[in-house]
Structure formats: C-alpha cells, structure tokens
C-alpha cells in the first residue's frame, strides 16, 4: 500500500479537522500517485514511528509549475497560505533548499475514507 507521509505535528490537526485536503509535493509525482488509488495518510518524524491518521482515496493529481497554482490549490495544502511565493518559501524550509516559482510541483487531492455503521 502507498502512503502520504507528513512530518509536521501541525499537519496532523489540519488533516483531522479536514482543513488539509491536498498535498503539494516537489517534482512530478504523477507516476507514483494516480487518481482512484487508496493510500494511508501518516504523520510522524522521518525515520521514526508514524501514526496512521486515516485511509484516503486520491481524487486528482496535477503536475504544474509552482507559479501556476491557484490560491485555492495552495489553501487545500496549507490553510495559512494563498500565494505561490509564500508556498515557495514554505517548501524551501521543508526541503532545505531554495524552491522557486519555476519549480515543478504535483498537487495531490485526497478524500478520507470513512466507514459507515451497518
């Protein structure tokens, strides 16, 4: 099974409250993540234990340059941001290298899978 891993504790709360419904990853990840795929959404430190937050289905995968992201796409990833230049700064901290608006990113939209009682 594939997973979407998140390393920030803040993200766990955003996922649980459904404020985060997408992830924007650096580079073209379209060969790894496909629409309809079921993934585990996990939070925890890199190379350490991770908590399963929920299973999700991937709704949409878009590859584009960071500058072409809409404010809505950015907000689905990080509810605190709206502008491509702010996201570039945020991703630079995350990836520990300079990210510009010319970089290619993949927007992965997902929805939690919920079980209904019978």
C-alpha atoms as a PDB file:
ATOM      1  CA  UNK A   1       0.000   0.000   0.000  1.00  0.00           C
ATOM      2  CA  UNK A   2       1.183   3.531  -0.747  1.00  0.00           C
ATOM      3  CA  UNK A   3       1.279   6.283   1.849  1.00  0.00           C
ATOM      4  CA  UNK A   4       1.219  10.050   2.062  1.00  0.00           C
ATOM      5  CA  UNK A   5       3.676  10.907   4.842  1.00  0.00           C
ATOM      6  CA  UNK A   6       3.539  14.190   6.741  1.00  0.00           C
ATOM      7  CA  UNK A   7       6.319  15.178   9.155  1.00  0.00           C
ATOM      8  CA  UNK A   8       4.865  18.240  10.918  1.00  0.00           C
ATOM      9  CA  UNK A   9       2.691  17.777  14.044  1.00  0.00           C
ATOM     10  CA  UNK A  10       0.641  20.803  12.914  1.00  0.00           C
ATOM     11  CA  UNK A  11      -0.414  18.863   9.796  1.00  0.00           C
ATOM     12  CA  UNK A  12      -1.964  16.089  11.875  1.00  0.00           C
ATOM     13  CA  UNK A  13      -4.514  18.523  13.319  1.00  0.00           C
ATOM     14  CA  UNK A  14      -5.231  20.008   9.873  1.00  0.00           C
ATOM     15  CA  UNK A  15      -5.861  16.521   8.475  1.00  0.00           C
ATOM     16  CA  UNK A  16      -8.164  15.502  11.328  1.00  0.00           C
ATOM     17  CA  UNK A  17     -10.208  18.706  11.002  1.00  0.00           C
ATOM     18  CA  UNK A  18     -10.385  18.308   7.188  1.00  0.00           C
ATOM     19  CA  UNK A  19      -8.696  21.678   6.666  1.00  0.00           C
ATOM     20  CA  UNK A  20      -5.950  19.911   4.685  1.00  0.00           C
ATOM     21  CA  UNK A  21      -7.320  18.003   1.683  1.00  0.00           C
ATOM     22  CA  UNK A  22      -4.301  18.123  -0.621  1.00  0.00           C
ATOM     23  CA  UNK A  23      -0.553  17.915  -0.573  1.00  0.00           C
ATOM     24  CA  UNK A  24       1.806  19.771  -2.887  1.00  0.00           C
ATOM     25  CA  UNK A  25       4.980  17.795  -3.499  1.00  0.00           C
ATOM     26  CA  UNK A  26       8.131  18.963  -5.238  1.00  0.00           C
ATOM     27  CA  UNK A  27       8.676  17.398  -8.662  1.00  0.00           C
ATOM     28  CA  UNK A  28       6.495  15.251 -10.901  1.00  0.00           C
ATOM     29  CA  UNK A  29       4.925  12.502  -8.760  1.00  0.00           C
ATOM     30  CA  UNK A  30       2.302  11.505 -11.348  1.00  0.00           C
ATOM     31  CA  UNK A  31       3.944   8.129 -11.953  1.00  0.00           C
ATOM     32  CA  UNK A  32       3.696   7.276  -8.231  1.00  0.00           C
ATOM     33  CA  UNK A  33       0.234   8.630  -7.335  1.00  0.00           C
ATOM     34  CA  UNK A  34      -2.835   8.025  -9.542  1.00  0.00           C
ATOM     35  CA  UNK A  35      -6.482   9.060  -9.336  1.00  0.00           C
ATOM     36  CA  UNK A  36      -8.526   6.380  -7.534  1.00  0.00           C
ATOM     37  CA  UNK A  37      -5.562   4.988  -5.629  1.00  0.00           C
ATOM     38  CA  UNK A  38      -6.070   4.189  -1.929  1.00  0.00           C
ATOM     39  CA  UNK A  39      -3.308   5.456   0.377  1.00  0.00           C
ATOM     40  CA  UNK A  40      -2.638   5.587   4.096  1.00  0.00           C
ATOM     41  CA  UNK A  41      -2.228   9.114   5.445  1.00  0.00           C
ATOM     42  CA  UNK A  42       0.533   9.056   8.075  1.00  0.00           C
ATOM     43  CA  UNK A  43       2.099  11.616  10.436  1.00  0.00           C
ATOM     44  CA  UNK A  44       5.377  11.358  12.281  1.00  0.00           C
ATOM     45  CA  UNK A  45       9.052  12.176  12.171  1.00  0.00           C
ATOM     46  CA  UNK A  46      11.207  10.997   9.285  1.00  0.00           C
ATOM     47  CA  UNK A  47      12.878   7.636  10.073  1.00  0.00           C
ATOM     48  CA  UNK A  48      10.704   7.286  13.185  1.00  0.00           C
ATOM     49  CA  UNK A  49       7.340   5.917  14.252  1.00  0.00           C
ATOM     50  CA  UNK A  50       4.332   7.242  12.381  1.00  0.00           C
ATOM     51  CA  UNK A  51       0.676   7.453  13.300  1.00  0.00           C
ATOM     52  CA  UNK A  52      -1.984   6.418  10.797  1.00  0.00           C
ATOM     53  CA  UNK A  53      -4.445   9.304  10.593  1.00  0.00           C
ATOM     54  CA  UNK A  54      -6.815   7.710   8.057  1.00  0.00           C
ATOM     55  CA  UNK A  55      -7.029   5.932   4.731  1.00  0.00           C
ATOM     56  CA  UNK A  56      -7.818   8.134   1.746  1.00  0.00           C
ATOM     57  CA  UNK A  57      -8.592   7.918  -1.940  1.00  0.00           C
ATOM     58  CA  UNK A  58      -6.704  10.126  -4.369  1.00  0.00           C
ATOM     59  CA  UNK A  59      -9.191  12.330  -6.204  1.00  0.00           C
ATOM     60  CA  UNK A  60      -6.883  14.201  -8.553  1.00  0.00           C
ATOM     61  CA  UNK A  61      -3.199  14.513  -9.469  1.00  0.00           C
ATOM     62  CA  UNK A  62      -1.995  17.644 -11.301  1.00  0.00           C
ATOM     63  CA  UNK A  63       1.561  18.487 -12.323  1.00  0.00           C
ATOM     64  CA  UNK A  64       2.385  22.153 -12.946  1.00  0.00           C
ATOM     65  CA  UNK A  65       4.858  24.889 -12.214  1.00  0.00           C
ATOM     66  CA  UNK A  66       4.540  26.352  -8.748  1.00  0.00           C
ATOM     67  CA  UNK A  67       3.728  29.829 -10.154  1.00  0.00           C
ATOM     68  CA  UNK A  68       0.636  28.374 -11.901  1.00  0.00           C
ATOM     69  CA  UNK A  69      -1.006  27.185  -8.672  1.00  0.00           C
ATOM     70  CA  UNK A  70      -4.292  28.861  -7.779  1.00  0.00           C
ATOM     71  CA  UNK A  71      -4.869  30.344  -4.319  1.00  0.00           C
ATOM     72  CA  UNK A  72      -7.461  27.585  -3.773  1.00  0.00           C
ATOM     73  CA  UNK A  73      -4.969  24.796  -4.580  1.00  0.00           C
ATOM     74  CA  UNK A  74      -2.462  26.303  -2.173  1.00  0.00           C
ATOM     75  CA  UNK A  75      -5.112  26.687   0.544  1.00  0.00           C
ATOM     76  CA  UNK A  76      -6.095  22.997   0.264  1.00  0.00           C
ATOM     77  CA  UNK A  77      -2.470  22.120   1.062  1.00  0.00           C
ATOM     78  CA  UNK A  78      -1.802  24.778   3.682  1.00  0.00           C
ATOM     79  CA  UNK A  79      -4.799  26.741   5.023  1.00  0.00           C
ATOM     80  CA  UNK A  80      -2.436  29.530   6.155  1.00  0.00           C
ATOM     81  CA  UNK A  81      -1.106  30.314   2.644  1.00  0.00           C
ATOM     82  CA  UNK A  82      -2.604  31.667  -0.602  1.00  0.00           C
ATOM     83  CA  UNK A  83       0.237  32.957  -2.799  1.00  0.00           C
ATOM     84  CA  UNK A  84       2.787  30.959  -4.841  1.00  0.00           C
ATOM     85  CA  UNK A  85       5.700  32.996  -3.440  1.00  0.00           C
ATOM     86  CA  UNK A  86       4.616  32.143   0.121  1.00  0.00           C
ATOM     87  CA  UNK A  87       4.377  28.463  -0.791  1.00  0.00           C
ATOM     88  CA  UNK A  88       7.850  28.614  -2.394  1.00  0.00           C
ATOM     89  CA  UNK A  89       9.245  29.965   0.875  1.00  0.00           C
ATOM     90  CA  UNK A  90       7.413  27.290   2.898  1.00  0.00           C
ATOM     91  CA  UNK A  91       8.650  24.476   0.605  1.00  0.00           C
ATOM     92  CA  UNK A  92      12.210  25.859   0.765  1.00  0.00           C
ATOM     93  CA  UNK A  93      12.153  25.333   4.535  1.00  0.00           C
ATOM     94  CA  UNK A  94      10.579  21.891   4.171  1.00  0.00           C
ATOM     95  CA  UNK A  95      13.021  20.622   1.522  1.00  0.00           C
ATOM     96  CA  UNK A  96      16.005  22.507   2.973  1.00  0.00           C
ATOM     97  CA  UNK A  97      16.910  24.101  -0.373  1.00  0.00           C
ATOM     98  CA  UNK A  98      15.785  27.045  -2.460  1.00  0.00           C
ATOM     99  CA  UNK A  99      12.474  26.469  -4.221  1.00  0.00           C
ATOM    100  CA  UNK A 100      11.316  28.992  -6.822  1.00  0.00           C
ATOM    101  CA  UNK A 101       8.073  29.626  -8.643  1.00  0.00           C
ATOM    102  CA  UNK A 102       9.669  27.936 -11.695  1.00  0.00           C
ATOM    103  CA  UNK A 103       9.903  24.567  -9.936  1.00  0.00           C
ATOM    104  CA  UNK A 104       7.581  21.738 -10.952  1.00  0.00           C
ATOM    105  CA  UNK A 105       5.189  20.521  -8.268  1.00  0.00           C
ATOM    106  CA  UNK A 106       2.495  17.869  -8.033  1.00  0.00           C
ATOM    107  CA  UNK A 107      -0.854  18.697  -6.438  1.00  0.00           C
ATOM    108  CA  UNK A 108      -2.390  15.553  -4.932  1.00  0.00           C
ATOM    109  CA  UNK A 109      -6.026  15.983  -3.822  1.00  0.00           C
ATOM    110  CA  UNK A 110      -7.391  13.305  -1.496  1.00  0.00           C
ATOM    111  CA  UNK A 111     -10.527  12.425   0.488  1.00  0.00           C
ATOM    112  CA  UNK A 112     -10.755  10.484   3.707  1.00  0.00           C
ATOM    113  CA  UNK A 113     -12.381   7.055   3.508  1.00  0.00           C
ATOM    114  CA  UNK A 114     -14.966   6.700   6.267  1.00  0.00           C
ATOM    115  CA  UNK A 115     -16.765   3.566   7.413  1.00  0.00           C
ATOM    116  CA  UNK A 116     -20.491   3.764   7.966  1.00  0.00           C
ATOM    117  CA  UNK A 117     -22.084   1.589  10.648  1.00  0.00           C
ATOM    118  CA  UNK A 118     -24.280  -1.176   9.267  1.00  0.00           C
END
